[in-house]
């Protein structure tokens, strides 16, 4: 089985973006917010949004199931206030849930949280509980920078985040550490802000003792871990200088995905990071959608790179494809184990 742990609803019906534009405009004008019931998206709209796109590519590339969440750049936590984010998160989570209901064997839900700058993360708890208990979410996306590029939030190891971690540990759900749109012109959203955040999150974890307080807490750092695998020696050296444990000790709780879009990158990732801490992912359909003229294949067809690397045994490759995900996402494992048996 091949599980893609990093998918976003980037092909959502256009009605969603139009409703969001109305919401943002109303907030800017201090006018009445649009009614969520004004957003009408049918099941057929949702099928047309994923079947010719994500599902078609999953079939072509041999992916069985995708952990599917709202579009990361659409989270835009820096826009509006907590009330705006709360309504927006609920709408986006409900749509993803509906997709997973229409195609339960192909998608599992990961939820966005209604984060807002300078707002206590504990305000996200009601939506986290709803997503897990009512919508069947197997994970959440956690934005370490709700400000959208200004980095006003405390480090992920700060105790202000602890109410969220307590709930995640109680529900046994992991978080993918994923920022949203950058409103800072110095940081391109997908080319800089995302990768900066991946690297920053790992360094924050290296500097703290979060997993001493939450030994079962699990994070996935996407996009291959940003700069982390490439600069593993730097992180080892900094850990020594700071009197911190070797960064490999974090890998009981932290995994990296394979959203790295060329063969040398996957080769380095799988050579530096133990295979137990690598999860297959493509972020498809995401930031990089074109065909690489050097290979004739889509940049984000990451299965080709995982298949080709010499750094994984067949047992390790199977773990990267699904075994590790089933360990990191136990609610997904339970869901798959409860499916009715098929075949003769």
C-alpha atoms as a PDB file:
ATOM      1  CA  UNK A   1       0.000   0.000   0.000  1.00  0.00           C
ATOM      2  CA  UNK A   2       1.203   3.532  -0.775  1.00  0.00           C
ATOM      3  CA  UNK A   3       0.003   6.361   1.466  1.00  0.00           C
ATOM      4  CA  UNK A   4       0.662   9.975   0.526  1.00  0.00           C
ATOM      5  CA  UNK A   5       0.726  11.862   3.825  1.00  0.00           C
ATOM      6  CA  UNK A   6       0.660  15.338   2.284  1.00  0.00           C
ATOM      7  CA  UNK A   7      -2.220  16.381   0.059  1.00  0.00           C
ATOM      8  CA  UNK A   8      -4.217  19.619  -0.039  1.00  0.00           C
ATOM      9  CA  UNK A   9      -7.570  20.483  -1.585  1.00  0.00           C
ATOM     10  CA  UNK A  10      -5.984  22.873  -4.073  1.00  0.00           C
ATOM     11  CA  UNK A  11      -8.686  22.176  -6.669  1.00  0.00           C
ATOM     12  CA  UNK A  12     -11.648  23.179  -4.512  1.00  0.00           C
ATOM     13  CA  UNK A  13     -14.640  24.501  -6.467  1.00  0.00           C
ATOM     14  CA  UNK A  14     -14.372  28.228  -7.302  1.00  0.00           C
ATOM     15  CA  UNK A  15     -17.397  29.014  -5.130  1.00  0.00           C
ATOM     16  CA  UNK A  16     -15.130  28.544  -2.107  1.00  0.00           C
ATOM     17  CA  UNK A  17     -12.695  31.280  -3.142  1.00  0.00           C
ATOM     18  CA  UNK A  18     -15.545  33.625  -4.031  1.00  0.00           C
ATOM     19  CA  UNK A  19     -17.128  33.167  -0.592  1.00  0.00           C
ATOM     20  CA  UNK A  20     -13.742  33.778   1.040  1.00  0.00           C
ATOM     21  CA  UNK A  21     -13.324  36.995  -0.950  1.00  0.00           C
ATOM     22  CA  UNK A  22     -16.667  38.171   0.421  1.00  0.00           C
ATOM     23  CA  UNK A  23     -15.634  37.277   3.952  1.00  0.00           C
ATOM     24  CA  UNK A  24     -12.327  39.147   3.687  1.00  0.00           C
ATOM     25  CA  UNK A  25     -13.980  42.176   2.093  1.00  0.00           C
ATOM     26  CA  UNK A  26     -16.639  42.297   4.796  1.00  0.00           C
ATOM     27  CA  UNK A  27     -14.022  42.206   7.531  1.00  0.00           C
ATOM     28  CA  UNK A  28     -12.001  44.961   5.853  1.00  0.00           C
ATOM     29  CA  UNK A  29     -15.101  47.144   5.578  1.00  0.00           C
ATOM     30  CA  UNK A  30     -16.310  46.299   9.102  1.00  0.00           C
ATOM     31  CA  UNK A  31     -19.525  45.117   7.502  1.00  0.00           C
ATOM     32  CA  UNK A  32     -21.700  42.065   8.106  1.00  0.00           C
ATOM     33  CA  UNK A  33     -19.958  38.779   7.418  1.00  0.00           C
ATOM     34  CA  UNK A  34     -21.400  36.542   4.697  1.00  0.00           C
ATOM     35  CA  UNK A  35     -23.531  33.628   5.824  1.00  0.00           C
ATOM     36  CA  UNK A  36     -21.767  30.244   5.485  1.00  0.00           C
ATOM     37  CA  UNK A  37     -25.081  28.893   4.217  1.00  0.00           C
ATOM     38  CA  UNK A  38     -24.664  31.131   1.170  1.00  0.00           C
ATOM     39  CA  UNK A  39     -21.863  28.831   0.019  1.00  0.00           C
ATOM     40  CA  UNK A  40     -23.469  26.116  -2.094  1.00  0.00           C
ATOM     41  CA  UNK A  41     -21.186  23.306  -3.244  1.00  0.00           C
ATOM     42  CA  UNK A  42     -22.815  20.074  -4.352  1.00  0.00           C
ATOM     43  CA  UNK A  43     -21.387  16.577  -4.159  1.00  0.00           C
ATOM     44  CA  UNK A  44     -21.058  16.649  -7.929  1.00  0.00           C
ATOM     45  CA  UNK A  45     -18.997  19.829  -7.616  1.00  0.00           C
ATOM     46  CA  UNK A  46     -16.674  18.016  -5.225  1.00  0.00           C
ATOM     47  CA  UNK A  47     -16.403  14.971  -7.477  1.00  0.00           C
ATOM     48  CA  UNK A  48     -15.516  17.195 -10.427  1.00  0.00           C
ATOM     49  CA  UNK A  49     -12.909  18.900  -8.250  1.00  0.00           C
ATOM     50  CA  UNK A  50     -10.965  15.748  -7.330  1.00  0.00           C
ATOM     51  CA  UNK A  51     -11.751  12.974  -9.796  1.00  0.00           C
ATOM     52  CA  UNK A  52     -10.063  14.479 -12.888  1.00  0.00           C
ATOM     53  CA  UNK A  53      -7.233  15.868 -10.766  1.00  0.00           C
ATOM     54  CA  UNK A  54      -6.013  14.242  -7.539  1.00  0.00           C
ATOM     55  CA  UNK A  55      -7.708  10.907  -8.099  1.00  0.00           C
ATOM     56  CA  UNK A  56      -6.579  10.645 -11.705  1.00  0.00           C
ATOM     57  CA  UNK A  57      -2.958  11.339 -10.770  1.00  0.00           C
ATOM     58  CA  UNK A  58      -3.112   9.000  -7.799  1.00  0.00           C
ATOM     59  CA  UNK A  59      -4.249   6.223 -10.126  1.00  0.00           C
ATOM     60  CA  UNK A  60      -1.601   7.044 -12.712  1.00  0.00           C
ATOM     61  CA  UNK A  61       1.193   7.143 -10.149  1.00  0.00           C
ATOM     62  CA  UNK A  62       0.111   4.221  -8.008  1.00  0.00           C
ATOM     63  CA  UNK A  63      -0.925   6.013  -4.809  1.00  0.00           C
ATOM     64  CA  UNK A  64      -3.630   4.247  -2.832  1.00  0.00           C
ATOM     65  CA  UNK A  65      -4.625   6.851  -0.253  1.00  0.00           C
ATOM     66  CA  UNK A  66      -3.887  10.510   0.477  1.00  0.00           C
ATOM     67  CA  UNK A  67      -4.069  12.305   3.819  1.00  0.00           C
ATOM     68  CA  UNK A  68      -6.036  15.296   2.581  1.00  0.00           C
ATOM     69  CA  UNK A  69      -6.324  18.722   4.168  1.00  0.00           C
ATOM     70  CA  UNK A  70      -7.555  22.195   3.213  1.00  0.00           C
ATOM     71  CA  UNK A  71      -5.339  24.165   0.892  1.00  0.00           C
ATOM     72  CA  UNK A  72      -2.398  25.425   2.944  1.00  0.00           C
ATOM     73  CA  UNK A  73      -2.148  28.832   1.295  1.00  0.00           C
ATOM     74  CA  UNK A  74      -5.899  29.324   1.804  1.00  0.00           C
ATOM     75  CA  UNK A  75      -5.594  28.967   5.586  1.00  0.00           C
ATOM     76  CA  UNK A  76      -4.273  32.579   5.619  1.00  0.00           C
ATOM     77  CA  UNK A  77      -4.461  32.878   9.387  1.00  0.00           C
ATOM     78  CA  UNK A  78      -3.095  36.421   9.232  1.00  0.00           C
ATOM     79  CA  UNK A  79      -6.316  37.674   7.635  1.00  0.00           C
ATOM     80  CA  UNK A  80      -9.008  38.931   9.981  1.00  0.00           C
ATOM     81  CA  UNK A  81      -9.345  37.795  13.571  1.00  0.00           C
ATOM     82  CA  UNK A  82     -10.150  34.569  15.371  1.00  0.00           C
ATOM     83  CA  UNK A  83     -13.842  34.805  14.494  1.00  0.00           C
ATOM     84  CA  UNK A  84     -12.948  35.036  10.792  1.00  0.00           C
ATOM     85  CA  UNK A  85     -10.516  32.124  11.046  1.00  0.00           C
ATOM     86  CA  UNK A  86     -12.989  30.040  13.032  1.00  0.00           C
ATOM     87  CA  UNK A  87     -15.731  30.256  10.402  1.00  0.00           C
ATOM     88  CA  UNK A  88     -13.255  29.756   7.564  1.00  0.00           C
ATOM     89  CA  UNK A  89     -11.658  26.684   9.173  1.00  0.00           C
ATOM     90  CA  UNK A  90     -15.049  25.115   9.770  1.00  0.00           C
ATOM     91  CA  UNK A  91     -16.084  25.612   6.136  1.00  0.00           C
ATOM     92  CA  UNK A  92     -12.802  24.251   4.746  1.00  0.00           C
ATOM     93  CA  UNK A  93     -12.770  21.278   7.099  1.00  0.00           C
ATOM     94  CA  UNK A  94     -16.359  20.408   6.255  1.00  0.00           C
ATOM     95  CA  UNK A  95     -15.541  20.374   2.530  1.00  0.00           C
ATOM     96  CA  UNK A  96     -12.541  18.102   2.993  1.00  0.00           C
ATOM     97  CA  UNK A  97     -14.639  15.831   5.179  1.00  0.00           C
ATOM     98  CA  UNK A  98     -17.221  15.605   2.401  1.00  0.00           C
ATOM     99  CA  UNK A  99     -14.501  14.605  -0.070  1.00  0.00           C
ATOM    100  CA  UNK A 100     -13.350  11.846   2.264  1.00  0.00           C
ATOM    101  CA  UNK A 101     -16.949  10.673   2.589  1.00  0.00           C
ATOM    102  CA  UNK A 102     -17.401  10.549  -1.184  1.00  0.00           C
ATOM    103  CA  UNK A 103     -14.119   8.636  -1.604  1.00  0.00           C
ATOM    104  CA  UNK A 104     -13.483   6.965   1.752  1.00  0.00           C
ATOM    105  CA  UNK A 105     -10.979   4.460   0.377  1.00  0.00           C
ATOM    106  CA  UNK A 106      -8.838   7.143  -1.241  1.00  0.00           C
ATOM    107  CA  UNK A 107      -8.754  10.098   1.159  1.00  0.00           C
ATOM    108  CA  UNK A 108      -8.353  10.538   4.906  1.00  0.00           C
ATOM    109  CA  UNK A 109      -8.919  13.922   6.477  1.00  0.00           C
ATOM    110  CA  UNK A 110      -6.385  16.231   8.114  1.00  0.00           C
ATOM    111  CA  UNK A 111      -7.901  19.383   9.582  1.00  0.00           C
ATOM    112  CA  UNK A 112      -6.825  22.999   9.580  1.00  0.00           C
ATOM    113  CA  UNK A 113      -7.034  24.915  12.849  1.00  0.00           C
ATOM    114  CA  UNK A 114      -8.606  28.374  13.277  1.00  0.00           C
ATOM    115  CA  UNK A 115      -5.378  30.028  14.352  1.00  0.00           C
ATOM    116  CA  UNK A 116      -5.028  33.797  14.497  1.00  0.00           C
ATOM    117  CA  UNK A 117      -2.044  36.052  15.296  1.00  0.00           C
ATOM    118  CA  UNK A 118      -1.547  36.944  18.953  1.00  0.00           C
ATOM    119  CA  UNK A 119      -4.445  34.664  19.918  1.00  0.00           C
ATOM    120  CA  UNK A 120      -4.174  31.907  22.483  1.00  0.00           C
ATOM    121  CA  UNK A 121      -3.791  28.584  20.605  1.00  0.00           C
ATOM    122  CA  UNK A 122      -6.253  27.068  23.097  1.00  0.00           C
ATOM    123  CA  UNK A 123      -9.004  28.819  21.136  1.00  0.00           C
ATOM    124  CA  UNK A 124      -8.457  26.147  18.475  1.00  0.00           C
ATOM    125  CA  UNK A 125      -9.493  23.323  20.773  1.00  0.00           C
ATOM    126  CA  UNK A 126     -13.223  23.252  19.893  1.00  0.00           C
ATOM    127  CA  UNK A 127     -12.478  22.880  16.177  1.00  0.00           C
ATOM    128  CA  UNK A 128      -9.791  20.283  16.841  1.00  0.00           C
ATOM    129  CA  UNK A 129     -12.257  18.249  18.893  1.00  0.00           C
ATOM    130  CA  UNK A 130     -14.978  18.620  16.272  1.00  0.00           C
ATOM    131  CA  UNK A 131     -12.623  17.609  13.470  1.00  0.00           C
ATOM    132  CA  UNK A 132     -11.510  14.451  15.254  1.00  0.00           C
ATOM    133  CA  UNK A 133     -14.733  13.407  16.954  1.00  0.00           C
ATOM    134  CA  UNK A 134     -17.290  14.398  14.289  1.00  0.00           C
ATOM    135  CA  UNK A 135     -15.365  14.551  11.013  1.00  0.00           C
ATOM    136  CA  UNK A 136     -12.932  11.693  11.567  1.00  0.00           C
ATOM    137  CA  UNK A 137      -9.731  13.678  11.116  1.00  0.00           C
ATOM    138  CA  UNK A 138      -6.585  11.586  11.496  1.00  0.00           C
ATOM    139  CA  UNK A 139      -4.254  14.609  11.803  1.00  0.00           C
ATOM    140  CA  UNK A 140      -4.145  18.394  11.964  1.00  0.00           C
ATOM    141  CA  UNK A 141      -2.059  21.055  10.277  1.00  0.00           C
ATOM    142  CA  UNK A 142      -0.346  23.340  12.776  1.00  0.00           C
ATOM    143  CA  UNK A 143       0.898  26.753  11.627  1.00  0.00           C
ATOM    144  CA  UNK A 144       3.951  27.900  13.628  1.00  0.00           C
ATOM    145  CA  UNK A 145       3.583  31.424  12.169  1.00  0.00           C
ATOM    146  CA  UNK A 146      -0.055  32.565  11.996  1.00  0.00           C
ATOM    147  CA  UNK A 147       1.186  36.087  11.250  1.00  0.00           C
ATOM    148  CA  UNK A 148       2.073  35.111   7.685  1.00  0.00           C
ATOM    149  CA  UNK A 149       5.777  35.866   7.662  1.00  0.00           C
ATOM    150  CA  UNK A 150       6.293  38.191  10.626  1.00  0.00           C
ATOM    151  CA  UNK A 151       6.980  35.365  13.112  1.00  0.00           C
ATOM    152  CA  UNK A 152       5.208  36.901  16.081  1.00  0.00           C
ATOM    153  CA  UNK A 153       4.233  33.551  17.623  1.00  0.00           C
ATOM    154  CA  UNK A 154       6.328  31.995  20.380  1.00  0.00           C
ATOM    155  CA  UNK A 155       8.414  28.915  19.544  1.00  0.00           C
ATOM    156  CA  UNK A 156       6.614  25.609  19.241  1.00  0.00           C
ATOM    157  CA  UNK A 157       8.229  24.561  22.516  1.00  0.00           C
ATOM    158  CA  UNK A 158       6.586  27.412  24.453  1.00  0.00           C
ATOM    159  CA  UNK A 159       3.967  26.384  26.976  1.00  0.00           C
ATOM    160  CA  UNK A 160       1.337  28.534  25.232  1.00  0.00           C
ATOM    161  CA  UNK A 161       1.000  25.664  22.746  1.00  0.00           C
ATOM    162  CA  UNK A 162       0.578  23.016  25.433  1.00  0.00           C
ATOM    163  CA  UNK A 163      -3.246  22.877  25.467  1.00  0.00           C
ATOM    164  CA  UNK A 164      -3.157  21.877  21.805  1.00  0.00           C
ATOM    165  CA  UNK A 165      -0.463  19.299  22.455  1.00  0.00           C
ATOM    166  CA  UNK A 166      -2.424  17.841  25.355  1.00  0.00           C
ATOM    167  CA  UNK A 167      -5.437  17.368  23.084  1.00  0.00           C
ATOM    168  CA  UNK A 168      -3.341  15.931  20.268  1.00  0.00           C
ATOM    169  CA  UNK A 169      -1.751  13.459  22.669  1.00  0.00           C
ATOM    170  CA  UNK A 170      -5.130  12.500  24.103  1.00  0.00           C
ATOM    171  CA  UNK A 171      -6.587  11.935  20.622  1.00  0.00           C
ATOM    172  CA  UNK A 172      -3.343  10.336  19.386  1.00  0.00           C
ATOM    173  CA  UNK A 173      -3.264  12.548  16.295  1.00  0.00           C
ATOM    174  CA  UNK A 174      -0.086  14.022  14.797  1.00  0.00           C
ATOM    175  CA  UNK A 175       0.377  17.499  13.420  1.00  0.00           C
ATOM    176  CA  UNK A 176       1.981  18.460  10.159  1.00  0.00           C
ATOM    177  CA  UNK A 177       3.898  21.672  10.804  1.00  0.00           C
ATOM    178  CA  UNK A 178       2.723  23.766   7.862  1.00  0.00           C
ATOM    179  CA  UNK A 179       2.639  27.525   7.418  1.00  0.00           C
ATOM    180  CA  UNK A 180       0.258  29.346   5.110  1.00  0.00           C
ATOM    181  CA  UNK A 181       0.503  32.288   2.737  1.00  0.00           C
ATOM    182  CA  UNK A 182       3.285  34.785   3.296  1.00  0.00           C
ATOM    183  CA  UNK A 183       2.205  38.420   3.413  1.00  0.00           C
ATOM    184  CA  UNK A 184       5.863  39.441   3.701  1.00  0.00           C
ATOM    185  CA  UNK A 185       7.227  40.365   0.248  1.00  0.00           C
ATOM    186  CA  UNK A 186      10.670  39.196   1.321  1.00  0.00           C
ATOM    187  CA  UNK A 187       9.410  35.599   1.569  1.00  0.00           C
ATOM    188  CA  UNK A 188       7.868  33.900  -1.448  1.00  0.00           C
ATOM    189  CA  UNK A 189       5.142  31.670  -0.059  1.00  0.00           C
ATOM    190  CA  UNK A 190       6.115  28.266  -1.437  1.00  0.00           C
ATOM    191  CA  UNK A 191       9.728  28.906  -2.404  1.00  0.00           C
ATOM    192  CA  UNK A 192      10.892  30.568   0.804  1.00  0.00           C
ATOM    193  CA  UNK A 193       8.279  30.804   3.571  1.00  0.00           C
ATOM    194  CA  UNK A 194       7.387  27.103   3.545  1.00  0.00           C
ATOM    195  CA  UNK A 195      10.987  25.927   3.580  1.00  0.00           C
ATOM    196  CA  UNK A 196      12.013  28.564   6.119  1.00  0.00           C
ATOM    197  CA  UNK A 197       9.268  27.367   8.432  1.00  0.00           C
ATOM    198  CA  UNK A 198      10.257  23.714   8.113  1.00  0.00           C
ATOM    199  CA  UNK A 199      13.830  24.563   9.066  1.00  0.00           C
ATOM    200  CA  UNK A 200      12.777  26.946  11.833  1.00  0.00           C
ATOM    201  CA  UNK A 201      10.406  24.428  13.399  1.00  0.00           C
ATOM    202  CA  UNK A 202      13.121  21.797  13.620  1.00  0.00           C
ATOM    203  CA  UNK A 203      15.542  24.247  15.203  1.00  0.00           C
ATOM    204  CA  UNK A 204      12.923  25.274  17.755  1.00  0.00           C
ATOM    205  CA  UNK A 205      12.418  21.638  18.693  1.00  0.00           C
ATOM    206  CA  UNK A 206      16.171  21.129  18.945  1.00  0.00           C
ATOM    207  CA  UNK A 207      16.437  24.018  21.409  1.00  0.00           C
ATOM    208  CA  UNK A 208      13.659  22.795  23.699  1.00  0.00           C
ATOM    209  CA  UNK A 209      12.515  19.789  25.710  1.00  0.00           C
ATOM    210  CA  UNK A 210       8.996  19.443  24.327  1.00  0.00           C
ATOM    211  CA  UNK A 211       9.049  15.678  23.978  1.00  0.00           C
ATOM    212  CA  UNK A 212      10.089  15.205  27.591  1.00  0.00           C
ATOM    213  CA  UNK A 213       6.687  16.659  28.455  1.00  0.00           C
ATOM    214  CA  UNK A 214       4.861  14.959  25.562  1.00  0.00           C
ATOM    215  CA  UNK A 215       6.673  11.699  24.776  1.00  0.00           C
ATOM    216  CA  UNK A 216       3.911  10.456  22.446  1.00  0.00           C
ATOM    217  CA  UNK A 217       3.483  13.704  20.502  1.00  0.00           C
ATOM    218  CA  UNK A 218       4.281  13.356  16.800  1.00  0.00           C
ATOM    219  CA  UNK A 219       5.098  15.998  14.207  1.00  0.00           C
ATOM    220  CA  UNK A 220       5.591  15.706  10.463  1.00  0.00           C
ATOM    221  CA  UNK A 221       7.843  18.373   8.963  1.00  0.00           C
ATOM    222  CA  UNK A 222       6.960  18.614   5.274  1.00  0.00           C
ATOM    223  CA  UNK A 223       8.889  19.472   2.105  1.00  0.00           C
ATOM    224  CA  UNK A 224      11.647  17.051   3.037  1.00  0.00           C
ATOM    225  CA  UNK A 225      12.373  18.961   6.229  1.00  0.00           C
ATOM    226  CA  UNK A 226      13.390  22.184   4.492  1.00  0.00           C
ATOM    227  CA  UNK A 227      17.129  22.681   4.940  1.00  0.00           C
ATOM    228  CA  UNK A 228      17.437  20.197   7.791  1.00  0.00           C
ATOM    229  CA  UNK A 229      18.757  17.057   6.025  1.00  0.00           C
ATOM    230  CA  UNK A 230      21.068  19.109   3.818  1.00  0.00           C
ATOM    231  CA  UNK A 231      22.588  20.799   6.899  1.00  0.00           C
ATOM    232  CA  UNK A 232      22.450  17.858   9.307  1.00  0.00           C
ATOM    233  CA  UNK A 233      26.060  18.480  10.332  1.00  0.00           C
ATOM    234  CA  UNK A 234      25.210  22.045  11.224  1.00  0.00           C
ATOM    235  CA  UNK A 235      22.362  20.912  13.452  1.00  0.00           C
ATOM    236  CA  UNK A 236      24.567  18.301  15.127  1.00  0.00           C
ATOM    237  CA  UNK A 237      27.222  20.911  15.738  1.00  0.00           C
ATOM    238  CA  UNK A 238      24.721  23.442  17.072  1.00  0.00           C
ATOM    239  CA  UNK A 239      23.257  20.828  19.382  1.00  0.00           C
ATOM    240  CA  UNK A 240      26.709  20.190  20.827  1.00  0.00           C
ATOM    241  CA  UNK A 241      27.388  23.922  21.215  1.00  0.00           C
ATOM    242  CA  UNK A 242      24.038  24.465  22.938  1.00  0.00           C
ATOM    243  CA  UNK A 243      24.388  21.464  25.199  1.00  0.00           C
ATOM    244  CA  UNK A 244      21.429  19.753  23.544  1.00  0.00           C
ATOM    245  CA  UNK A 245      21.060  16.088  22.645  1.00  0.00           C
ATOM    246  CA  UNK A 246      22.007  14.893  19.173  1.00  0.00           C
ATOM    247  CA  UNK A 247      19.246  15.876  16.713  1.00  0.00           C
ATOM    248  CA  UNK A 248      18.667  12.243  15.857  1.00  0.00           C
ATOM    249  CA  UNK A 249      16.990  11.886  19.276  1.00  0.00           C
ATOM    250  CA  UNK A 250      14.152  14.044  17.930  1.00  0.00           C
ATOM    251  CA  UNK A 251      13.368  11.485  15.258  1.00  0.00           C
ATOM    252  CA  UNK A 252      11.343   9.331  17.622  1.00  0.00           C
ATOM    253  CA  UNK A 253       8.769  12.121  17.477  1.00  0.00           C
ATOM    254  CA  UNK A 254       9.568  13.982  14.251  1.00  0.00           C
ATOM    255  CA  UNK A 255       9.274  12.685  10.687  1.00  0.00           C
ATOM    256  CA  UNK A 256      10.060  14.253   7.316  1.00  0.00           C
ATOM    257  CA  UNK A 257       8.064  13.739   4.164  1.00  0.00           C
ATOM    258  CA  UNK A 258       9.335  13.116   0.632  1.00  0.00           C
ATOM    259  CA  UNK A 259       8.048  16.317  -1.003  1.00  0.00           C
ATOM    260  CA  UNK A 260      11.444  16.845  -2.596  1.00  0.00           C
ATOM    261  CA  UNK A 261      11.313  17.283  -6.323  1.00  0.00           C
ATOM    262  CA  UNK A 262      14.490  15.820  -7.752  1.00  0.00           C
ATOM    263  CA  UNK A 263      16.435  12.597  -7.372  1.00  0.00           C
ATOM    264  CA  UNK A 264      19.526  14.021  -5.620  1.00  0.00           C
ATOM    265  CA  UNK A 265      17.274  15.542  -2.964  1.00  0.00           C
ATOM    266  CA  UNK A 266      15.540  12.250  -2.201  1.00  0.00           C
ATOM    267  CA  UNK A 267      18.896  10.478  -2.246  1.00  0.00           C
ATOM    268  CA  UNK A 268      20.259  12.886   0.349  1.00  0.00           C
ATOM    269  CA  UNK A 269      17.113  12.716   2.497  1.00  0.00           C
ATOM    270  CA  UNK A 270      17.175   8.917   2.590  1.00  0.00           C
ATOM    271  CA  UNK A 271      20.905   8.802   3.225  1.00  0.00           C
ATOM    272  CA  UNK A 272      20.873  11.270   6.133  1.00  0.00           C
ATOM    273  CA  UNK A 273      17.532  10.617   7.840  1.00  0.00           C
ATOM    274  CA  UNK A 274      16.807   7.108   9.157  1.00  0.00           C
ATOM    275  CA  UNK A 275      14.136   5.421   7.057  1.00  0.00           C
ATOM    276  CA  UNK A 276      11.865   5.050  10.106  1.00  0.00           C
ATOM    277  CA  UNK A 277      11.432   8.837  10.082  1.00  0.00           C
ATOM    278  CA  UNK A 278      10.627   9.319   6.389  1.00  0.00           C
ATOM    279  CA  UNK A 279       7.026   9.330   5.130  1.00  0.00           C
ATOM    280  CA  UNK A 280       6.024   9.159   1.503  1.00  0.00           C
ATOM    281  CA  UNK A 281       4.338  12.318   0.200  1.00  0.00           C
ATOM    282  CA  UNK A 282       4.016  14.342  -2.970  1.00  0.00           C
ATOM    283  CA  UNK A 283       1.979  17.469  -2.042  1.00  0.00           C
ATOM    284  CA  UNK A 284       0.078  16.753  -5.217  1.00  0.00           C
ATOM    285  CA  UNK A 285      -1.531  18.875  -6.613  1.00  0.00           C
ATOM    286  CA  UNK A 286       0.576  21.588  -5.024  1.00  0.00           C
ATOM    287  CA  UNK A 287       3.213  24.241  -5.476  1.00  0.00           C
ATOM    288  CA  UNK A 288       5.153  22.556  -8.296  1.00  0.00           C
ATOM    289  CA  UNK A 289       2.917  21.229 -11.055  1.00  0.00           C
ATOM    290  CA  UNK A 290       5.010  21.319 -14.217  1.00  0.00           C
ATOM    291  CA  UNK A 291       6.869  18.586 -16.058  1.00  0.00           C
ATOM    292  CA  UNK A 292      10.619  18.549 -15.564  1.00  0.00           C
ATOM    293  CA  UNK A 293      12.103  18.910 -19.060  1.00  0.00           C
ATOM    294  CA  UNK A 294      15.169  16.958 -17.955  1.00  0.00           C
ATOM    295  CA  UNK A 295      13.182  13.848 -17.053  1.00  0.00           C
ATOM    296  CA  UNK A 296       9.905  14.193 -18.944  1.00  0.00           C
ATOM    297  CA  UNK A 297       7.984  13.539 -15.719  1.00  0.00           C
ATOM    298  CA  UNK A 298       6.179  15.814 -13.288  1.00  0.00           C
ATOM    299  CA  UNK A 299       8.427  17.277 -10.613  1.00  0.00           C
ATOM    300  CA  UNK A 300       5.960  16.155  -7.916  1.00  0.00           C
ATOM    301  CA  UNK A 301       5.865  12.507  -9.019  1.00  0.00           C
ATOM    302  CA  UNK A 302       7.960  11.652  -5.984  1.00  0.00           C
ATOM    303  CA  UNK A 303       7.287   7.916  -6.159  1.00  0.00           C
ATOM    304  CA  UNK A 304       9.769   7.732  -9.033  1.00  0.00           C
ATOM    305  CA  UNK A 305      12.516   9.124  -6.823  1.00  0.00           C
ATOM    306  CA  UNK A 306      11.714   6.844  -3.901  1.00  0.00           C
ATOM    307  CA  UNK A 307      11.704   3.848  -6.237  1.00  0.00           C
ATOM    308  CA  UNK A 308      15.040   4.828  -7.766  1.00  0.00           C
ATOM    309  CA  UNK A 309      17.069   5.639  -4.666  1.00  0.00           C
ATOM    310  CA  UNK A 310      19.701   3.098  -3.690  1.00  0.00           C
ATOM    311  CA  UNK A 311      19.543   4.168  -0.042  1.00  0.00           C
ATOM    312  CA  UNK A 312      16.471   2.106   0.870  1.00  0.00           C
ATOM    313  CA  UNK A 313      16.128  -1.634   1.133  1.00  0.00           C
ATOM    314  CA  UNK A 314      12.832  -3.105  -0.011  1.00  0.00           C
ATOM    315  CA  UNK A 315      11.759  -3.417   3.616  1.00  0.00           C
ATOM    316  CA  UNK A 316      12.668   0.208   4.280  1.00  0.00           C
ATOM    317  CA  UNK A 317      10.948   1.352   1.091  1.00  0.00           C
ATOM    318  CA  UNK A 318       7.747  -0.388   2.197  1.00  0.00           C
ATOM    319  CA  UNK A 319       7.977   1.403   5.536  1.00  0.00           C
ATOM    320  CA  UNK A 320       8.399   4.767   3.798  1.00  0.00           C
ATOM    321  CA  UNK A 321       5.418   4.034   1.563  1.00  0.00           C
ATOM    322  CA  UNK A 322       2.987   3.036   4.301  1.00  0.00           C
ATOM    323  CA  UNK A 323       4.374   1.393   7.435  1.00  0.00           C
ATOM    324  CA  UNK A 324       5.707   4.594   8.924  1.00  0.00           C
ATOM    325  CA  UNK A 325       2.505   6.483   8.138  1.00  0.00           C
ATOM    326  CA  UNK A 326       0.411   3.843   9.862  1.00  0.00           C
ATOM    327  CA  UNK A 327       2.579   4.265  12.958  1.00  0.00           C
ATOM    328  CA  UNK A 328       2.540   8.071  12.880  1.00  0.00           C
ATOM    329  CA  UNK A 329      -1.194   8.229  12.072  1.00  0.00           C
ATOM    330  CA  UNK A 330      -2.724   5.546  14.314  1.00  0.00           C
ATOM    331  CA  UNK A 331      -6.274   6.727  13.648  1.00  0.00           C
ATOM    332  CA  UNK A 332      -5.645   6.083   9.972  1.00  0.00           C
ATOM    333  CA  UNK A 333      -4.314   2.633  10.814  1.00  0.00           C
ATOM    334  CA  UNK A 334      -7.437   1.902  12.862  1.00  0.00           C
ATOM    335  CA  UNK A 335      -9.661   3.112  10.057  1.00  0.00           C
ATOM    336  CA  UNK A 336      -7.949   0.939   7.482  1.00  0.00           C
ATOM    337  CA  UNK A 337      -7.982  -2.069   9.784  1.00  0.00           C
ATOM    338  CA  UNK A 338     -11.736  -1.725  10.248  1.00  0.00           C
ATOM    339  CA  UNK A 339     -12.503  -1.721   6.516  1.00  0.00           C
ATOM    340  CA  UNK A 340     -14.476  -4.737   5.324  1.00  0.00           C
ATOM    341  CA  UNK A 341     -12.377  -7.392   3.708  1.00  0.00           C
ATOM    342  CA  UNK A 342     -12.647  -7.625  -0.072  1.00  0.00           C
ATOM    343  CA  UNK A 343     -11.907 -10.324  -2.576  1.00  0.00           C
ATOM    344  CA  UNK A 344     -12.690 -14.037  -2.584  1.00  0.00           C
END
